[in-house]
Amino acid sequence: MPPRGPLLAHAQAHPDQGAVVLIDSLDEALTFSRERSIAHLMQLVNDFPPNVRSILTSRPNNARVTA
């Protein structure tokens, strides 16, 4: 299943409902392997269904996030 498969399945099963993806500490996620990480998933955000919204948190002034 593609990384965004659950979001697509939800959008198809419930087109009248939205979904929210909450990612806490994005700066820490960037320290893990690129393959199948949450940071990699967020690069695919343009392919998310239109009823999906994202909330991201990170430490302020983190070079990994602002670069």
Protein backbone atom coordinates (compact mmCIF):
# COMPACT_ATOMS: atom_id res chain seq x y z
CA MET A 1 0.00 0.00 0.00
CA PRO A 2 1.40 3.44 -0.85
CA PRO A 3 2.24 5.64 2.17
CA ARG A 4 -0.84 7.76 1.58
CA GLY A 5 -3.08 4.73 0.97
CA PRO A 6 -5.06 5.05 4.23
CA LEU A 7 -5.86 8.70 3.42
CA LEU A 8 -7.05 7.79 -0.06
CA ALA A 9 -9.16 4.92 1.30
CA HIS A 10 -10.76 7.23 3.87
CA ALA A 11 -11.50 9.88 1.24
CA GLN A 12 -13.15 7.33 -1.03
CA ALA A 13 -15.19 5.70 1.75
CA HIS A 14 -16.23 9.01 3.36
CA PRO A 15 -16.09 11.80 0.72
CA ASP A 16 -18.20 14.08 2.93
CA GLN A 17 -15.78 13.88 5.87
CA GLY A 18 -12.39 15.47 6.28
CA ALA A 19 -9.24 14.12 7.87
CA VAL A 20 -6.50 15.85 9.82
CA VAL A 21 -2.90 14.66 9.92
CA LEU A 22 -1.14 15.93 13.05
CA ILE A 23 2.65 15.70 13.03
CA ASP A 24 4.40 16.73 16.21
CA SER A 25 8.15 17.42 16.25
CA LEU A 26 8.78 17.47 12.50
CA ASP A 27 12.36 18.54 13.23
CA GLU A 28 12.97 15.20 14.99
CA ALA A 29 11.38 13.22 12.17
CA LEU A 30 13.97 14.63 9.78
CA THR A 31 16.74 12.81 11.64
CA PHE A 32 15.39 9.39 10.59
CA SER A 33 15.83 7.52 7.33
CA ARG A 34 14.24 9.25 4.35
CA GLU A 35 12.61 6.06 3.15
CA ARG A 36 9.04 5.66 4.50
CA SER A 37 9.43 8.46 7.03
CA ILE A 38 6.83 11.05 7.94
CA ALA A 39 9.02 13.72 6.34
CA HIS A 40 8.94 11.75 3.08
CA LEU A 41 5.16 11.40 3.34
CA MET A 42 4.78 15.16 3.71
CA GLN A 43 6.62 15.64 0.41
CA LEU A 44 3.62 13.90 -1.18
CA VAL A 45 1.12 16.37 0.29
CA ASN A 46 0.10 17.65 -3.16
CA ASP A 47 -1.28 14.17 -3.89
CA PHE A 48 -3.41 14.01 -0.74
CA PRO A 49 -7.18 14.04 -1.17
CA PRO A 50 -8.64 17.57 -1.04
CA ASN A 51 -10.41 16.93 2.28
CA VAL A 52 -7.14 16.24 4.15
CA ARG A 53 -5.56 18.96 6.26
CA SER A 54 -2.18 18.91 8.00
CA ILE A 55 -0.99 20.40 11.27
CA LEU A 56 2.77 20.41 11.83
CA THR A 57 4.78 21.39 14.87
CA SER A 58 8.52 21.93 15.17
CA ARG A 59 10.99 23.66 17.40
CA PRO A 60 11.47 27.29 16.36
CA ASN A 61 14.54 28.26 14.37
CA ASN A 62 15.51 24.69 13.53
CA ALA A 63 17.93 24.56 10.58
CA ARG A 64 16.62 21.14 9.46
CA VAL A 65 13.11 22.50 8.99
CA THR A 66 13.91 25.91 7.51
CA ALA A 67 16.54 24.66 5.03
